[in-house]
Amino acid sequence: MTRRTAITTTALAVGGLLAGCGKEQKKMVKHVILWKLKDDIADKDAVKTGIKAGLEGLKGVVPGLTEIIVRTEGLASSNADVMLDSTLESEEALKGYAVHPAHVKVANEKVRPFTQTRLCLDYLI
């Protein structure tokens, strides 16, 4: 990289940062869910695997969903069986996620039939 290229690259980077100054930045949203599985499920590991695969498969399918991780291996001290930790681009993206056909299908087929309790916390980051 030449000195001129380095100076130009630095100027562009600083200019890009300054261009955002004074403008209200859209905040991203964390969407966290904890589920307790129904007590009468015989093969809880299979259900957890299905929930994990279904929900994590939504990345790249649902617009605005930037990250999605499902945890199924809680410690013995846990009182939830499955956790969803997802990040969306905005509150509007969260609203779209809730009604997106792919999400609704996973929720109706892989989550709701097997869960007895659901806790949700959505917050801005």
C-alpha atoms as a PDB file:
ATOM      1  CA  MET A   1       0.000   0.000   0.000  1.00  0.00           C
ATOM      2  CA  THR A   2       1.435   3.364  -0.952  1.00  0.00           C
ATOM      3  CA  ARG A   3       1.408   6.366   1.352  1.00  0.00           C
ATOM      4  CA  ARG A   4      -1.194   8.074  -0.849  1.00  0.00           C
ATOM      5  CA  THR A   5      -3.469   4.985  -0.769  1.00  0.00           C
ATOM      6  CA  ALA A   6      -3.132   4.769   3.016  1.00  0.00           C
ATOM      7  CA  ILE A   7      -4.053   8.440   3.431  1.00  0.00           C
ATOM      8  CA  THR A   8      -7.028   8.106   1.078  1.00  0.00           C
ATOM      9  CA  THR A   9      -8.240   4.946   2.867  1.00  0.00           C
ATOM     10  CA  THR A  10      -7.949   6.659   6.252  1.00  0.00           C
ATOM     11  CA  ALA A  11      -9.789   9.746   4.991  1.00  0.00           C
ATOM     12  CA  LEU A  12     -12.613   7.612   3.621  1.00  0.00           C
ATOM     13  CA  ALA A  13     -12.913   5.679   6.879  1.00  0.00           C
ATOM     14  CA  VAL A  14     -12.986   8.856   8.990  1.00  0.00           C
ATOM     15  CA  GLY A  15     -15.400  10.476   6.551  1.00  0.00           C
ATOM     16  CA  GLY A  16     -17.713   7.488   6.846  1.00  0.00           C
ATOM     17  CA  LEU A  17     -17.641   7.705  10.629  1.00  0.00           C
ATOM     18  CA  LEU A  18     -18.275  11.437  10.603  1.00  0.00           C
ATOM     19  CA  ALA A  19     -21.127  11.056   8.132  1.00  0.00           C
ATOM     20  CA  GLY A  20     -23.008   9.142  10.829  1.00  0.00           C
ATOM     21  CA  CYS A  21     -22.437  11.764  13.514  1.00  0.00           C
ATOM     22  CA  GLY A  22     -25.537  13.666  14.513  1.00  0.00           C
ATOM     23  CA  LYS A  23     -27.821  11.109  12.878  1.00  0.00           C
ATOM     24  CA  GLU A  24     -29.977   8.845  14.951  1.00  0.00           C
ATOM     25  CA  GLN A  25     -28.699   5.310  14.529  1.00  0.00           C
ATOM     26  CA  LYS A  26     -31.185   2.440  14.351  1.00  0.00           C
ATOM     27  CA  LYS A  27     -30.695   0.149  17.299  1.00  0.00           C
ATOM     28  CA  MET A  28     -30.593  -3.579  16.899  1.00  0.00           C
ATOM     29  CA  VAL A  29     -32.842  -5.865  18.917  1.00  0.00           C
ATOM     30  CA  LYS A  30     -32.003  -8.883  21.039  1.00  0.00           C
ATOM     31  CA  HIS A  31     -34.810 -11.456  21.160  1.00  0.00           C
ATOM     32  CA  VAL A  32     -34.238 -14.044  23.896  1.00  0.00           C
ATOM     33  CA  ILE A  33     -36.635 -16.903  24.674  1.00  0.00           C
ATOM     34  CA  LEU A  34     -36.512 -19.584  27.355  1.00  0.00           C
ATOM     35  CA  TRP A  35     -38.698 -22.674  27.062  1.00  0.00           C
ATOM     36  CA  LYS A  36     -39.521 -25.491  29.432  1.00  0.00           C
ATOM     37  CA  LEU A  37     -40.406 -28.719  27.634  1.00  0.00           C
ATOM     38  CA  LYS A  38     -43.525 -30.660  28.563  1.00  0.00           C
ATOM     39  CA  ASP A  39     -42.900 -33.251  31.273  1.00  0.00           C
ATOM     40  CA  ASP A  40     -44.409 -36.155  29.311  1.00  0.00           C
ATOM     41  CA  ILE A  41     -41.982 -36.003  26.377  1.00  0.00           C
ATOM     42  CA  ALA A  42     -40.180 -39.333  26.097  1.00  0.00           C
ATOM     43  CA  ASP A  43     -37.230 -38.226  23.930  1.00  0.00           C
ATOM     44  CA  LYS A  44     -36.362 -34.696  25.016  1.00  0.00           C
ATOM     45  CA  ASP A  45     -33.011 -34.783  23.217  1.00  0.00           C
ATOM     46  CA  ALA A  46     -34.727 -35.402  19.873  1.00  0.00           C
ATOM     47  CA  VAL A  47     -37.148 -32.538  20.513  1.00  0.00           C
ATOM     48  CA  LYS A  48     -34.292 -30.192  21.453  1.00  0.00           C
ATOM     49  CA  THR A  49     -32.403 -31.186  18.299  1.00  0.00           C
ATOM     50  CA  GLY A  50     -35.489 -30.446  16.179  1.00  0.00           C
ATOM     51  CA  ILE A  51     -36.041 -27.061  17.808  1.00  0.00           C
ATOM     52  CA  LYS A  52     -32.374 -26.119  17.367  1.00  0.00           C
ATOM     53  CA  ALA A  53     -32.238 -27.167  13.706  1.00  0.00           C
ATOM     54  CA  GLY A  54     -35.537 -25.506  12.877  1.00  0.00           C
ATOM     55  CA  LEU A  55     -34.794 -22.157  14.493  1.00  0.00           C
ATOM     56  CA  GLU A  56     -31.145 -21.901  13.460  1.00  0.00           C
ATOM     57  CA  GLY A  57     -32.266 -22.737   9.913  1.00  0.00           C
ATOM     58  CA  LEU A  58     -34.092 -19.395   9.798  1.00  0.00           C
ATOM     59  CA  LYS A  59     -30.827 -17.456   9.398  1.00  0.00           C
ATOM     60  CA  GLY A  60     -30.638 -16.194   5.837  1.00  0.00           C
ATOM     61  CA  VAL A  61     -34.352 -16.899   5.370  1.00  0.00           C
ATOM     62  CA  VAL A  62     -35.986 -14.242   7.553  1.00  0.00           C
ATOM     63  CA  PRO A  63     -35.074 -10.675   6.543  1.00  0.00           C
ATOM     64  CA  GLY A  64     -33.366  -8.698   9.297  1.00  0.00           C
ATOM     65  CA  LEU A  65     -32.372 -11.760  11.345  1.00  0.00           C
ATOM     66  CA  THR A  66     -28.626 -11.320  11.747  1.00  0.00           C
ATOM     67  CA  GLU A  67     -27.801 -13.946  14.367  1.00  0.00           C
ATOM     68  CA  ILE A  68     -29.613 -16.904  15.890  1.00  0.00           C
ATOM     69  CA  ILE A  69     -28.268 -19.415  18.382  1.00  0.00           C
ATOM     70  CA  VAL A  70     -30.221 -22.096  20.219  1.00  0.00           C
ATOM     71  CA  ARG A  71     -28.756 -23.565  23.408  1.00  0.00           C
ATOM     72  CA  THR A  72     -29.986 -26.975  24.534  1.00  0.00           C
ATOM     73  CA  GLU A  73     -27.307 -28.162  26.947  1.00  0.00           C
ATOM     74  CA  GLY A  74     -28.093 -26.335  30.169  1.00  0.00           C
ATOM     75  CA  LEU A  75     -26.434 -27.186  33.455  1.00  0.00           C
ATOM     76  CA  ALA A  76     -28.290 -29.212  36.093  1.00  0.00           C
ATOM     77  CA  SER A  77     -28.972 -25.943  37.944  1.00  0.00           C
ATOM     78  CA  SER A  78     -31.107 -24.658  35.034  1.00  0.00           C
ATOM     79  CA  ASN A  79     -34.886 -24.581  35.160  1.00  0.00           C
ATOM     80  CA  ALA A  80     -35.324 -24.081  31.396  1.00  0.00           C
ATOM     81  CA  ASP A  81     -34.609 -26.648  28.696  1.00  0.00           C
ATOM     82  CA  VAL A  82     -34.017 -24.521  25.598  1.00  0.00           C
ATOM     83  CA  MET A  83     -32.821 -20.964  25.019  1.00  0.00           C
ATOM     84  CA  LEU A  84     -33.071 -18.903  21.851  1.00  0.00           C
ATOM     85  CA  ASP A  85     -30.628 -15.993  21.572  1.00  0.00           C
ATOM     86  CA  SER A  86     -31.229 -13.978  18.411  1.00  0.00           C
ATOM     87  CA  THR A  87     -30.324 -10.567  17.048  1.00  0.00           C
ATOM     88  CA  LEU A  88     -32.407  -8.599  14.587  1.00  0.00           C
ATOM     89  CA  GLU A  89     -31.670  -5.383  12.718  1.00  0.00           C
ATOM     90  CA  SER A  90     -34.546  -3.413  14.243  1.00  0.00           C
ATOM     91  CA  GLU A  91     -37.882  -3.557  16.022  1.00  0.00           C
ATOM     92  CA  GLU A  92     -39.503  -3.645  12.580  1.00  0.00           C
ATOM     93  CA  ALA A  93     -37.421  -6.714  11.728  1.00  0.00           C
ATOM     94  CA  LEU A  94     -38.590  -8.364  14.974  1.00  0.00           C
ATOM     95  CA  LYS A  95     -42.222  -7.727  14.010  1.00  0.00           C
ATOM     96  CA  GLY A  96     -41.561  -9.239  10.578  1.00  0.00           C
ATOM     97  CA  TYR A  97     -39.812 -12.256  12.123  1.00  0.00           C
ATOM     98  CA  ALA A  98     -42.831 -12.971  14.327  1.00  0.00           C
ATOM     99  CA  VAL A  99     -45.154 -13.383  11.333  1.00  0.00           C
ATOM    100  CA  HIS A 100     -42.712 -14.707   8.737  1.00  0.00           C
ATOM    101  CA  PRO A 101     -44.102 -17.985   7.311  1.00  0.00           C
ATOM    102  CA  ALA A 102     -40.847 -19.898   7.886  1.00  0.00           C
ATOM    103  CA  HIS A 103     -40.746 -18.830  11.543  1.00  0.00           C
ATOM    104  CA  VAL A 104     -44.432 -19.584  12.071  1.00  0.00           C
ATOM    105  CA  LYS A 105     -43.932 -23.061  10.557  1.00  0.00           C
ATOM    106  CA  VAL A 106     -41.013 -23.864  12.896  1.00  0.00           C
ATOM    107  CA  ALA A 107     -42.894 -22.489  15.906  1.00  0.00           C
ATOM    108  CA  ASN A 108     -46.058 -24.453  15.105  1.00  0.00           C
ATOM    109  CA  GLU A 109     -44.349 -27.732  14.211  1.00  0.00           C
ATOM    110  CA  LYS A 110     -41.185 -27.932  16.316  1.00  0.00           C
ATOM    111  CA  VAL A 111     -41.672 -25.658  19.332  1.00  0.00           C
ATOM    112  CA  ARG A 112     -45.260 -25.108  20.527  1.00  0.00           C
ATOM    113  CA  PRO A 113     -46.363 -28.764  20.532  1.00  0.00           C
ATOM    114  CA  PHE A 114     -43.519 -29.668  22.910  1.00  0.00           C
ATOM    115  CA  THR A 115     -43.264 -26.702  25.281  1.00  0.00           C
ATOM    116  CA  GLN A 116     -45.237 -25.868  28.389  1.00  0.00           C
ATOM    117  CA  THR A 117     -43.658 -22.556  29.386  1.00  0.00           C
ATOM    118  CA  ARG A 118     -42.241 -19.680  27.332  1.00  0.00           C
ATOM    119  CA  LEU A 119     -40.492 -16.578  28.660  1.00  0.00           C
ATOM    120  CA  CYS A 120     -39.402 -13.781  26.340  1.00  0.00           C
ATOM    121  CA  LEU A 121     -37.181 -10.735  26.736  1.00  0.00           C
ATOM    122  CA  ASP A 122     -36.716  -8.324  23.834  1.00  0.00           C
ATOM    123  CA  TYR A 123     -34.359  -5.369  24.268  1.00  0.00           C
ATOM    124  CA  LEU A 124     -32.394  -2.816  22.266  1.00  0.00           C
ATOM    125  CA  ILE A 125     -28.633  -3.101  21.843  1.00  0.00           C
END
